[in-house]
Every structure is written in C-alpha cells, then in structure tokens.
Amino acid sequence: MKASRLDLERQREEPSAEELAEQLRHRYSRMDYGRTAQYVGDEGDVPQHTLIPSVQDPSLWVVKCKPGKERDVVNTIMRKYLDRENTDNPLDVSCCFMRDTLKGYIYIESRSNASVVAAITNVNNVYHSKVMLVPIKDMVDTMQAAKKEVQLQPGGWVRMRRGKYTGDLCQLIEVFDSGDLVRRASVETFRFVSGGVDTSRARISALQQRQEQDRKWKARKPLSQRPPQKLFNPKEIELLDRTKPVIPKGRNVFTYGTDVFKDGFLEKDVRVGMLTVENVNPTLEEIQRFAGDGGANGYEGNVDLSALAATALKDGPVEFVPGDKVEVTNGEMKNVQGIVQSVDGSQITVAPNASAGLERSLTFPAKQLRKCFEPGAHVRVANGRFANETGLVLRVDDNVITLLSDLNLKEVNSLSDRCHGNL
C-alpha cells in the first residue's frame, strides 16, 4: 500500500510527455534563434558611413617626440598599458601607433587629454607640452596605408623637381647607403651673362661689355627662354666665361666653380626629395643624349638600349618608305617578313617573303610593323641625334642596331625604326 502511494506521488511530480516536449521545444528554439541571429549579423553588410569616426568614438591625439624614437615610445606605452591592465588604475587608452612617413610624432587614441598625459608620463623622448587633438575629419587620413616607395637603382631615370634644373632628365650613378642621397648625372644647361653659350668669337667682347648690365638676367629672363642643353666643353667655357676657372681633375673630368663635370655630364649629389622618381617618362631624344657619341663618353655603357626601344613609340610614329624590310610584331602574321611596297598614311602594304608561302601583298597598320636589318647592310639614320649619319650595320640587338659610321669610323647606336636602307 505504501509503495503504491509513493508511485502515485512520483507520477504527479514528473512532467507529462506533453509538458516535457513543450519544455524541450522552448529550450532549443531559443538556442536556434541565438545561432541564427548571430549568423545573420555576420553576413549583413555594414554601411560605410558607420565606419567613419564620430563624436561618440574615442578621440585621436598626436604627441610630439624625439625624431627617430617613435617606435621606442610606442613600445614603452604598450608595455605600460599591459603592466597596469589588471590593476585598480589601468590606462584609459584604446591604441597607440606611429607612422614611418611622419617623423617626430606618435598617435594615441583615448577619450580624454588626461588619459593621454597619464600614458606618456615618465616616458622618455616625449615632449609633454606637445599634445594636440586630431580633428575628426582628419582621423581617417592618419590610417591610410603608406604608398609603396620606389626603389632607386643606379642607371635609373629621374627628373629634378625644383631649382634651376627643374624638369631636367637625370641618370642615377650611385645610391648611398642612407637611402636619402643619390649621385646623378645630367646634361647641363649653361647660363652666362648673355643667357646661353655662344661659340662665336665676334661676340665675346660684346658679352664682356654687357656683363654688368646683364648681371640680373636670371630675374628678368622668362623660363620659356631657357638655353638649350649641351655637353660641357671646357674650351668653349674658357672663351665665354673667365670669372671661374676650368680645372682639369683627371681624364675627361673638370671642375667649373663648384660643379664637377665628367665626360661632359654634370655630376651632383642631391637629396631624394629634390627628385621626381615616378612617371618620369623620358623621351627618346633625352635618352640619346646619355647614349654617348660612339663611345666618346663613359655613359654609353650605363644606358639600357632596350629603354631606347621602349620609348620609340612614345616619341612619334615610325616612318616607312617603299623598299624597307619589315617584320610583323604581333597578330596572326607575327614574325612574317617582307618588303614595303606602298605607304598610305598609317596603312603599310607589304609583299611577304617567299618563305612565308603567301602569294599576295598584305596591308598592316604601321604600329604592327618594325624595320629589320641584317649585319652588313648599308643604312642611313633618318632622324634623332645621329640624323643623316650613314654606315654599315655591325650588330642587331632586338630593335637597336649598331652601325660603323662612314664619316669617322665610330660605332653608333640607333633604333632600327629610325633608319632607312637601300642606299
């Protein structure tokens, strides 16, 4: 009797099957809802404007420090934050960082100036009186990724950014270990009291008479009237300017005032900040000034002949004439060679060689063709630095040919597209 009474009480206390099912449904539906809500939150798009700092976010402060010690200061503040993290007096700082492009400053994110002062207290190399608030509109710019620096290499091309040589093309000779100083060579623009170099002896006396009158030429002369660039010639300089001596320092090396000239080029040590190192885009004529005159100067070996070919298309269209030997550079007929039959603007009609197996002439755009020569051919340079020079082809290196000049028996480098054969 007693056992049956206990069983009855146990049945009353235990939930029924319906009640147990309802409890389980309620429990696991809450868990599913939590997982679903979290998943949807991760998948949802965050509007970009919500990522921009606002007045509800911590402020950003810039702190002046000793140049070169920025990283040490940031590491010290980080260690200080970790040491006080689990104490009764933690640092109220969200983050601390520095930028390699900004020397002498660090950034601290915090909600109050007092917290910033507490973070830099007893930190070496920090100027405590130089704490400034960064405006909200400028906070995003401080986190922009730094632009990748261009690696300067000897033989590369740069331009002068400021000074009297602004815009001049230069070739790097040496990049010093510090990385912020380079030695460059350029073709000098000579300015005398007359405003330029004049090799006429008849004008020398007139130049000397007007020396005092033209002393202020630089301030009066517009930049558009700048004299043309030319290689340094010590004999001409001695005739035209006796105020500064030309002192020989070695083979083809001279000093003129404070400037040093080697093989006719001006060599100078300059800061990288004075140079334009990106988008230099040298023209063919500019590069050819550095190519030397048949080995007359020491810079011929420093000029990459492929750079001449790469700038050919930028410097102007190629001139084709009937009889030129050409080769197709791209398209279905790539590497097919032939003879130019006629020229109609930019459309060139070519008779393919018998080896191509084509019986009729084909028409190509001029940009799809290049001239080709074989060693031993007699050619004439149509334009460029060596315009009207004639000679025999010695070597062919891609789009650059080396010919032996008929005039002085010196080797001359030129683009094949600037030469004509069938002389």
Protein backbone atom coordinates (compact mmCIF):
# COMPACT_ATOMS: atom_id res chain seq x y z
CA MET A 1 0.00 0.00 0.00
CA LYS A 2 2.82 2.33 0.91
CA ALA A 3 4.71 1.55 -2.36
CA SER A 4 1.68 2.33 -4.50
CA ARG A 5 1.22 5.64 -2.70
CA LEU A 6 4.87 6.60 -3.46
CA ASP A 7 4.47 5.68 -7.13
CA LEU A 8 1.40 7.89 -7.36
CA GLU A 9 3.23 10.86 -5.83
CA ARG A 10 6.20 10.32 -8.22
CA GLN A 11 3.86 10.35 -11.23
CA ARG A 12 2.31 13.60 -10.03
CA GLU A 13 5.75 15.25 -9.63
CA GLU A 14 7.12 14.06 -13.02
CA PRO A 15 6.05 16.14 -16.05
CA SER A 16 3.86 14.56 -18.63
CA ALA A 17 5.09 13.77 -22.11
CA GLU A 18 3.34 16.87 -23.47
CA GLU A 19 4.93 19.09 -20.83
CA LEU A 20 8.38 17.59 -21.46
CA ALA A 21 8.06 18.15 -25.23
CA GLU A 22 7.00 21.76 -24.69
CA GLN A 23 10.00 22.36 -22.41
CA LEU A 24 12.41 20.92 -24.96
CA ARG A 25 10.82 22.89 -27.81
CA HIS A 26 11.09 26.12 -25.86
CA ARG A 27 14.70 25.46 -24.81
CA TYR A 28 16.10 24.57 -28.23
CA SER A 29 14.11 27.17 -30.12
CA ARG A 30 15.90 29.85 -28.06
CA MET A 31 19.30 28.31 -28.92
CA ASP A 32 18.45 28.19 -32.63
CA TYR A 33 17.30 31.78 -32.54
CA GLY A 34 20.56 32.82 -30.92
CA ARG A 35 22.65 31.00 -33.52
CA THR A 36 20.54 32.34 -36.39
CA ALA A 37 20.71 35.90 -35.12
CA GLN A 38 24.48 35.70 -34.75
CA TYR A 39 24.91 34.23 -38.24
CA VAL A 40 22.72 36.91 -39.83
CA GLY A 41 24.72 39.56 -38.06
CA ASP A 42 27.97 38.30 -39.58
CA GLU A 43 26.52 38.08 -43.07
CA GLY A 44 24.89 41.51 -43.09
CA ASP A 45 26.57 44.42 -44.90
CA VAL A 46 27.88 47.23 -42.72
CA PRO A 47 27.23 50.71 -44.18
CA GLN A 48 30.49 52.50 -44.89
CA HIS A 49 29.40 55.68 -43.14
CA THR A 50 29.19 53.79 -39.84
CA LEU A 51 32.93 53.05 -40.07
CA ILE A 52 33.85 56.76 -40.10
CA PRO A 53 34.85 58.14 -36.66
CA SER A 54 32.21 60.20 -34.87
CA VAL A 55 31.93 62.21 -31.65
CA GLN A 56 30.88 59.03 -29.81
CA ASP A 57 34.21 57.35 -30.60
CA PRO A 58 37.48 57.91 -28.70
CA SER A 59 39.47 60.94 -29.82
CA LEU A 60 42.84 60.76 -31.55
CA TRP A 61 45.75 62.72 -30.16
CA VAL A 62 49.10 63.44 -31.78
CA VAL A 63 52.10 63.69 -29.47
CA LYS A 64 55.47 65.15 -30.41
CA CYS A 65 58.52 63.05 -29.62
CA LYS A 66 62.19 62.92 -30.47
CA PRO A 67 62.68 62.09 -34.18
CA GLY A 68 63.89 58.53 -34.66
CA LYS A 69 62.47 57.38 -31.30
CA GLU A 70 58.85 56.96 -32.40
CA ARG A 71 58.88 53.16 -32.30
CA ASP A 72 60.59 53.08 -28.89
CA VAL A 73 57.98 55.43 -27.43
CA VAL A 74 55.09 53.34 -28.78
CA ASN A 75 56.60 50.13 -27.36
CA THR A 76 57.11 51.78 -23.98
CA ILE A 77 53.48 52.93 -23.82
CA MET A 78 52.33 49.44 -24.85
CA ARG A 79 54.32 47.82 -22.03
CA LYS A 80 52.98 50.41 -19.60
CA TYR A 81 49.42 49.59 -20.67
CA LEU A 82 49.97 45.83 -20.18
CA ASP A 83 51.55 46.32 -16.75
CA ARG A 84 48.55 48.30 -15.49
CA GLU A 85 45.85 46.36 -17.32
CA ASN A 86 44.65 44.29 -14.33
CA THR A 87 45.26 46.89 -11.64
CA ASP A 88 43.00 49.45 -9.99
CA ASN A 89 44.45 52.21 -12.17
CA PRO A 90 44.53 50.99 -15.82
CA LEU A 91 45.41 53.26 -18.72
CA ASP A 92 42.32 54.57 -20.49
CA VAL A 93 43.93 54.24 -23.94
CA SER A 94 42.43 52.43 -26.92
CA CYS A 95 45.54 52.26 -29.10
CA CYS A 96 48.91 53.83 -29.78
CA PHE A 97 50.74 53.84 -33.12
CA MET A 98 53.30 55.63 -35.27
CA ARG A 99 53.77 56.19 -39.00
CA ASP A 100 57.05 55.73 -40.82
CA THR A 101 56.22 58.68 -43.06
CA LEU A 102 55.77 61.09 -40.13
CA LYS A 103 58.96 61.63 -38.18
CA GLY A 104 58.85 63.01 -34.64
CA TYR A 105 55.19 62.21 -33.84
CA ILE A 106 53.08 59.35 -32.44
CA TYR A 107 49.31 58.89 -32.19
CA ILE A 108 47.32 57.90 -29.09
CA GLU A 109 43.60 57.10 -29.13
CA SER A 110 41.82 57.98 -25.91
CA ARG A 111 38.67 59.70 -24.66
CA SER A 112 40.41 62.45 -22.71
CA ASN A 113 43.54 64.53 -22.69
CA ALA A 114 44.20 63.49 -19.10
CA SER A 115 44.42 59.84 -20.12
CA VAL A 116 46.95 60.72 -22.83
CA VAL A 117 49.05 62.66 -20.33
CA ALA A 118 48.93 59.69 -17.95
CA ALA A 119 50.09 57.38 -20.73
CA ILE A 120 53.16 59.48 -21.59
CA THR A 121 54.11 60.34 -18.02
CA ASN A 122 57.62 59.08 -17.18
CA VAL A 123 58.14 58.03 -20.82
CA ASN A 124 61.45 59.14 -22.27
CA ASN A 125 61.86 61.08 -25.54
CA VAL A 126 58.33 62.57 -25.36
CA TYR A 127 57.52 66.30 -25.25
CA HIS A 128 54.64 66.51 -22.75
CA SER A 129 53.64 70.02 -23.78
CA LYS A 130 53.12 69.00 -27.41
CA VAL A 131 49.83 67.08 -27.20
CA MET A 132 47.32 68.06 -29.90
CA LEU A 133 43.85 66.81 -30.78
CA VAL A 134 43.38 65.47 -34.32
CA PRO A 135 40.15 66.77 -35.94
CA ILE A 136 37.57 64.08 -36.65
CA LYS A 137 37.68 64.79 -40.40
CA ASP A 138 41.44 64.09 -40.42
CA MET A 139 41.36 60.86 -38.41
CA VAL A 140 40.78 58.63 -41.44
CA ASP A 141 43.80 60.08 -43.26
CA THR A 142 46.11 59.10 -40.41
CA MET A 143 45.28 55.43 -41.01
CA GLN A 144 45.80 55.48 -44.77
CA ALA A 145 48.36 52.93 -45.94
CA ALA A 146 51.65 54.47 -46.94
CA LYS A 147 52.40 54.49 -50.63
CA LYS A 148 54.98 51.93 -51.65
CA GLU A 149 58.33 53.57 -52.05
CA VAL A 150 60.09 53.37 -55.39
CA GLN A 151 63.41 51.53 -55.16
CA LEU A 152 66.13 53.69 -56.70
CA GLN A 153 68.79 51.83 -58.66
CA PRO A 154 71.96 53.07 -60.40
CA GLY A 155 71.19 53.63 -64.06
CA GLY A 156 67.58 54.61 -63.40
CA TRP A 157 65.94 57.77 -64.71
CA VAL A 158 64.70 60.66 -62.56
CA ARG A 159 63.86 64.33 -63.02
CA MET A 160 64.77 67.36 -60.96
CA ARG A 161 61.78 68.65 -59.01
CA ARG A 162 62.97 72.15 -58.14
CA GLY A 163 65.73 74.68 -58.71
CA LYS A 164 67.21 75.89 -61.97
CA TYR A 165 67.31 72.31 -63.29
CA THR A 166 63.57 71.74 -62.79
CA GLY A 167 62.28 69.13 -65.22
CA ASP A 168 65.73 68.04 -66.44
CA LEU A 169 66.24 64.32 -67.01
CA CYS A 170 68.99 62.76 -64.89
CA GLN A 171 70.53 59.31 -64.66
CA LEU A 172 71.40 57.87 -61.26
CA ILE A 173 75.05 56.95 -60.81
CA GLU A 174 75.05 55.90 -57.17
CA VAL A 175 72.52 55.50 -54.35
CA PHE A 176 74.13 56.00 -50.96
CA ASP A 177 73.51 53.66 -48.03
CA SER A 178 71.36 56.20 -46.18
CA GLY A 179 68.81 55.97 -48.99
CA ASP A 180 68.03 59.70 -48.98
CA LEU A 181 71.06 60.85 -51.00
CA VAL A 182 71.93 59.96 -54.59
CA ARG A 183 74.52 60.96 -57.16
CA ARG A 184 73.12 61.81 -60.55
CA ALA A 185 74.38 62.87 -63.97
CA SER A 186 72.64 65.30 -66.30
CA VAL A 187 73.19 67.32 -69.44
CA GLU A 188 73.95 70.85 -68.29
CA THR A 189 72.03 73.95 -69.33
CA PHE A 190 74.67 76.66 -69.38
CA ARG A 191 73.65 80.17 -68.37
CA PHE A 192 76.09 83.04 -68.70
CA VAL A 193 75.56 86.78 -68.60
CA SER A 194 74.35 86.52 -72.20
CA GLY A 195 71.71 83.92 -71.39
CA GLY A 196 73.39 80.97 -73.11
CA VAL A 197 76.51 79.57 -74.76
CA ASP A 198 77.66 81.27 -77.96
CA THR A 199 80.77 79.92 -79.66
CA SER A 200 81.18 82.96 -81.90
CA ARG A 201 84.43 84.80 -81.12
CA ALA A 202 82.95 88.00 -82.55
CA ARG A 203 80.51 88.23 -79.67
CA ILE A 204 82.97 87.63 -76.85
CA SER A 205 83.87 91.31 -76.50
CA ALA A 206 80.22 92.31 -76.59
CA LEU A 207 79.44 89.83 -73.85
CA GLN A 208 82.19 91.23 -71.68
CA GLN A 209 80.95 94.80 -72.21
CA ARG A 210 77.43 93.89 -71.20
CA GLN A 211 78.48 91.82 -68.18
CA GLU A 212 77.45 94.43 -65.63
CA GLN A 213 74.23 95.29 -67.44
CA ASP A 214 73.12 91.67 -67.70
CA ARG A 215 74.04 90.66 -64.17
CA LYS A 216 70.35 90.49 -63.26
CA TRP A 217 69.46 88.35 -66.27
CA LYS A 218 68.13 85.46 -64.23
CA ALA A 219 65.43 87.54 -62.56
CA ARG A 220 64.44 89.16 -65.85
CA LYS A 221 64.65 86.22 -68.24
CA PRO A 222 61.46 84.13 -68.52
CA LEU A 223 61.82 80.39 -68.01
CA SER A 224 60.49 79.75 -71.52
CA GLN A 225 63.67 81.32 -72.94
CA ARG A 226 65.88 78.76 -71.28
CA PRO A 227 69.06 77.98 -73.27
CA PRO A 228 69.29 74.51 -74.82
CA GLN A 229 71.11 71.71 -73.03
CA LYS A 230 74.52 70.64 -74.28
CA LEU A 231 77.52 68.69 -73.05
CA PHE A 232 80.24 70.54 -71.16
CA ASN A 233 83.04 71.75 -73.44
CA PRO A 234 85.97 73.22 -71.44
CA LYS A 235 87.37 75.13 -74.42
CA GLU A 236 84.10 76.92 -75.09
CA ILE A 237 83.64 77.72 -71.41
CA GLU A 238 87.12 79.25 -71.11
CA LEU A 239 86.35 81.56 -74.04
CA LEU A 240 82.96 82.66 -72.78
CA ASP A 241 83.42 82.91 -69.03
CA ARG A 242 86.70 83.95 -67.43
CA THR A 243 85.20 84.65 -64.00
CA LYS A 244 85.53 80.99 -62.95
CA PRO A 245 88.45 78.78 -63.95
CA VAL A 246 88.03 75.37 -65.55
CA ILE A 247 90.30 73.00 -63.63
CA PRO A 248 91.12 69.52 -65.01
CA LYS A 249 90.89 66.78 -62.36
CA GLY A 250 91.56 63.69 -64.43
CA ARG A 251 90.69 62.11 -67.72
CA ASN A 252 87.65 63.98 -69.05
CA VAL A 253 86.93 65.30 -65.54
CA PHE A 254 86.75 69.06 -64.89
CA THR A 255 85.61 71.36 -62.12
CA TYR A 256 83.90 74.60 -63.07
CA GLY A 257 83.14 76.65 -59.99
CA THR A 258 81.52 74.25 -57.54
CA ASP A 259 80.32 71.85 -60.24
CA VAL A 260 82.06 68.66 -61.37
CA PHE A 261 81.78 67.51 -64.99
CA LYS A 262 82.73 64.04 -66.16
CA ASP A 263 82.70 63.18 -69.86
CA GLY A 264 80.65 66.32 -70.47
CA PHE A 265 77.94 65.49 -67.92
CA LEU A 266 77.25 67.33 -64.69
CA GLU A 267 77.61 65.07 -61.64
CA LYS A 268 75.94 66.19 -58.44
CA ASP A 269 74.89 64.73 -55.09
CA VAL A 270 71.25 65.59 -54.36
CA ARG A 271 68.58 64.66 -51.85
CA VAL A 272 65.92 62.24 -53.00
CA GLY A 273 63.31 64.81 -52.03
CA MET A 274 64.55 67.03 -54.86
CA LEU A 275 63.81 64.34 -57.46
CA THR A 276 60.73 63.11 -59.26
CA VAL A 277 61.15 59.33 -59.27
CA GLU A 278 57.76 58.22 -60.64
CA ASN A 279 56.21 58.75 -64.06
CA VAL A 280 59.49 60.14 -65.41
CA ASN A 281 58.67 59.06 -68.99
CA PRO A 282 61.94 60.06 -70.70
CA THR A 283 61.67 60.79 -74.41
CA LEU A 284 63.89 59.14 -76.97
CA GLU A 285 65.81 62.36 -77.64
CA GLU A 286 66.53 62.80 -73.93
CA ILE A 287 67.83 59.26 -73.51
CA GLN A 288 70.00 59.53 -76.61
CA ARG A 289 71.87 62.45 -75.01
CA PHE A 290 73.16 59.95 -72.47
CA ALA A 291 73.96 57.26 -75.05
CA GLY A 292 77.25 58.87 -75.94
CA ASP A 293 78.82 59.54 -79.32
CA GLY A 294 80.28 56.24 -80.41
CA GLY A 295 81.84 55.67 -77.04
CA ALA A 296 83.13 59.21 -76.64
CA ASN A 297 81.87 59.37 -73.06
CA GLY A 298 81.65 56.91 -70.24
CA TYR A 299 77.87 56.83 -70.06
CA GLU A 300 77.23 54.66 -73.09
CA GLY A 301 77.51 51.51 -71.03
CA ASN A 302 75.04 52.84 -68.46
CA VAL A 303 72.21 53.37 -70.96
CA ASP A 304 69.90 50.40 -71.39
CA LEU A 305 69.40 50.11 -75.14
CA SER A 306 66.08 48.40 -74.55
CA ALA A 307 64.93 51.61 -72.90
CA LEU A 308 65.52 53.38 -76.20
CA ALA A 309 63.31 50.90 -77.98
CA ALA A 310 60.62 51.13 -75.30
CA THR A 311 60.32 54.89 -75.75
CA ALA A 312 60.31 54.83 -79.54
CA LEU A 313 56.54 54.57 -79.88
CA LYS A 314 56.01 57.38 -77.39
CA ASP A 315 58.36 59.67 -79.27
CA GLY A 316 56.49 59.61 -82.57
CA PRO A 317 55.29 57.38 -85.41
CA VAL A 318 57.70 55.24 -87.39
CA GLU A 319 58.41 56.45 -90.93
CA PHE A 320 58.24 53.72 -93.57
CA VAL A 321 59.24 54.11 -97.21
CA PRO A 322 58.91 51.68 -100.14
CA GLY A 323 61.78 49.20 -100.14
CA ASP A 324 62.13 48.95 -96.34
CA LYS A 325 62.49 45.43 -94.96
CA VAL A 326 59.93 44.95 -92.20
CA GLU A 327 58.69 42.32 -89.77
CA VAL A 328 55.22 41.87 -88.28
CA THR A 329 55.42 42.20 -84.48
CA ASN A 330 52.00 40.85 -83.42
CA GLY A 331 48.80 39.31 -84.68
CA GLU A 332 48.20 36.21 -86.78
CA MET A 333 51.07 37.12 -89.12
CA LYS A 334 53.61 37.63 -86.34
CA ASN A 335 57.28 37.17 -87.41
CA VAL A 336 56.39 37.31 -91.13
CA GLN A 337 58.96 39.42 -93.00
CA GLY A 338 58.62 41.27 -96.27
CA ILE A 339 59.31 44.39 -98.34
CA VAL A 340 57.26 47.60 -98.12
CA GLN A 341 55.52 48.24 -101.45
CA SER A 342 53.47 51.34 -100.68
CA VAL A 343 52.54 53.64 -97.80
CA ASP A 344 49.06 55.14 -97.35
CA GLY A 345 49.07 57.11 -94.12
CA SER A 346 49.25 54.58 -91.30
CA GLN A 347 48.46 51.64 -93.60
CA ILE A 348 51.52 49.84 -94.99
CA THR A 349 51.31 47.40 -97.91
CA VAL A 350 53.91 44.63 -97.63
CA ALA A 351 54.98 41.93 -100.07
CA PRO A 352 55.81 38.89 -97.88
CA ASN A 353 59.00 36.93 -98.48
CA ALA A 354 58.72 33.69 -100.45
CA SER A 355 59.48 31.70 -97.28
CA ALA A 356 56.14 32.85 -95.82
CA GLY A 357 54.23 30.96 -98.52
CA LEU A 358 51.91 33.89 -99.27
CA GLU A 359 51.34 34.89 -102.88
CA ARG A 360 49.63 38.26 -102.45
CA SER A 361 50.54 41.50 -100.70
CA LEU A 362 49.12 42.29 -97.28
CA THR A 363 48.24 45.57 -95.58
CA PHE A 364 49.16 46.22 -91.94
CA PRO A 365 48.84 49.16 -89.53
CA ALA A 366 52.18 50.91 -89.08
CA LYS A 367 52.21 50.15 -85.34
CA GLN A 368 52.16 46.43 -86.16
CA LEU A 369 55.45 46.56 -88.10
CA ARG A 370 59.08 47.19 -87.35
CA LYS A 371 62.06 47.60 -89.63
CA CYS A 372 64.66 44.84 -89.73
CA PHE A 373 68.24 44.91 -90.94
CA GLU A 374 70.98 42.33 -91.31
CA PRO A 375 74.69 42.78 -90.49
CA GLY A 376 76.48 44.22 -93.49
CA ALA A 377 73.57 46.33 -94.73
CA HIS A 378 74.27 49.97 -95.56
CA VAL A 379 71.81 52.29 -93.81
CA ARG A 380 71.13 55.95 -93.13
CA VAL A 381 69.81 57.35 -89.84
CA ALA A 382 66.74 59.40 -90.74
CA ASN A 383 66.30 61.38 -87.51
CA GLY A 384 67.40 61.59 -83.93
CA ARG A 385 70.77 62.53 -82.52
CA PHE A 386 72.68 60.90 -85.39
CA ALA A 387 70.39 62.15 -88.17
CA ASN A 388 71.84 61.74 -91.71
CA GLU A 389 74.65 59.51 -90.39
CA THR A 390 75.40 56.61 -92.75
CA GLY A 391 77.26 53.38 -92.15
CA LEU A 392 77.38 49.58 -92.19
CA VAL A 393 75.32 47.54 -89.74
CA LEU A 394 77.60 45.65 -87.34
CA ARG A 395 75.13 44.19 -84.85
CA VAL A 396 71.37 43.95 -84.38
CA ASP A 397 70.03 43.75 -80.81
CA ASP A 398 66.26 43.45 -80.97
CA ASN A 399 65.12 46.92 -82.14
CA VAL A 400 68.54 48.58 -81.72
CA ILE A 401 71.26 48.42 -84.36
CA THR A 402 74.96 49.26 -84.10
CA LEU A 403 76.49 50.67 -87.26
CA LEU A 404 80.01 51.74 -88.24
CA SER A 405 79.89 55.38 -89.30
CA ASP A 406 81.18 56.19 -92.79
CA LEU A 407 82.27 59.62 -91.55
CA ASN A 408 84.53 58.84 -88.58
CA LEU A 409 84.56 55.00 -88.38
CA LYS A 410 82.99 55.10 -84.92
CA GLU A 411 80.23 52.83 -83.67
CA VAL A 412 76.82 54.46 -83.43
CA ASN A 413 73.71 53.02 -81.75
CA SER A 414 70.30 53.85 -83.18
CA LEU A 415 66.81 52.44 -83.31
CA SER A 416 66.16 50.37 -86.39
CA ASP A 417 62.87 52.23 -86.88
CA ARG A 418 64.86 55.44 -87.35
CA CYS A 419 66.98 54.09 -90.19
CA HIS A 420 66.48 53.58 -93.91
CA GLY A 421 68.20 51.01 -96.11
CA ASN A 422 68.59 50.53 -99.86
CA LEU A 423 71.04 53.44 -100.20
